Amino acid sequence: MIRGLGTVVVFVAFIGLTLWVFNSKRSAQFAEARLLPFADEPLAEDASTQEPATRSTRP
């Protein structure tokens, strides 16, 4: 009985989370959050004059 109730609670939480994530009202917030990993990178003024950050060691 307890396992069945636990399954129902987890299923309801999954459905609620799915509806929250795919809600069209939140698309702007998620679009902004999607760019957060790049927020601390400096903007490149001229990419052609800068050397790449890493170089290949292969010939």
Protein backbone atom coordinates (compact mmCIF):
# COMPACT_ATOMS: atom_id res chain seq x y z
CA MET A 1 0.00 0.00 0.00
CA ILE A 2 2.79 2.45 0.91
CA ARG A 3 4.76 1.62 -2.24
CA GLY A 4 1.69 2.29 -4.37
CA LEU A 5 1.14 5.68 -2.73
CA GLY A 6 4.80 6.53 -3.23
CA THR A 7 4.51 5.66 -6.90
CA VAL A 8 1.45 7.87 -7.28
CA VAL A 9 3.18 10.79 -5.53
CA VAL A 10 6.25 10.50 -7.76
CA PHE A 11 4.06 10.20 -10.87
CA VAL A 12 2.08 13.32 -9.95
CA ALA A 13 5.33 15.21 -9.28
CA PHE A 14 6.68 14.09 -12.67
CA ILE A 15 3.55 15.27 -14.48
CA GLY A 16 3.63 18.60 -12.62
CA LEU A 17 7.29 19.16 -13.43
CA THR A 18 6.72 18.27 -17.07
CA LEU A 19 3.85 20.75 -17.36
CA TRP A 20 5.94 23.44 -15.64
CA VAL A 21 8.93 22.94 -17.95
CA PHE A 22 6.93 22.91 -21.19
CA ASN A 23 4.70 25.85 -20.22
CA SER A 24 4.95 28.48 -22.97
CA LYS A 25 4.84 31.34 -20.44
CA ARG A 26 8.28 30.36 -19.15
CA SER A 27 10.10 30.15 -22.49
CA ALA A 28 11.66 33.62 -22.08
CA GLN A 29 13.01 32.73 -18.62
CA PHE A 30 14.45 29.46 -19.87
CA ALA A 31 16.00 31.19 -22.91
CA GLU A 32 17.79 33.58 -20.56
CA ALA A 33 18.88 30.75 -18.25
CA ARG A 34 20.20 28.80 -21.24
CA LEU A 35 22.81 31.54 -21.83
CA LEU A 36 24.04 31.75 -18.22
CA PRO A 37 27.12 29.51 -18.76
CA PHE A 38 28.41 32.08 -21.25
CA ALA A 39 27.74 35.15 -19.09
CA ASP A 40 31.27 35.41 -17.68
CA GLU A 41 33.08 35.14 -21.01
CA PRO A 42 34.47 38.41 -22.39
CA LEU A 43 33.12 39.61 -25.69
CA ALA A 44 35.54 39.27 -28.58
CA GLU A 45 35.94 42.57 -30.43
CA ASP A 46 37.77 41.10 -33.40
CA ALA A 47 38.01 37.32 -33.57
CA SER A 48 40.42 37.35 -36.52
CA THR A 49 43.24 39.03 -34.56
CA GLN A 50 43.07 36.71 -31.56
CA GLU A 51 44.79 33.36 -31.44
CA PRO A 52 42.69 30.32 -30.58
CA ALA A 53 42.59 29.37 -26.90
CA THR A 54 43.81 25.85 -27.63
CA ARG A 55 45.94 24.40 -30.35
CA SER A 56 45.94 20.92 -31.72
CA THR A 57 49.06 18.83 -31.09
CA ARG A 58 48.38 16.66 -34.11
CA PRO A 59 50.47 17.24 -37.25
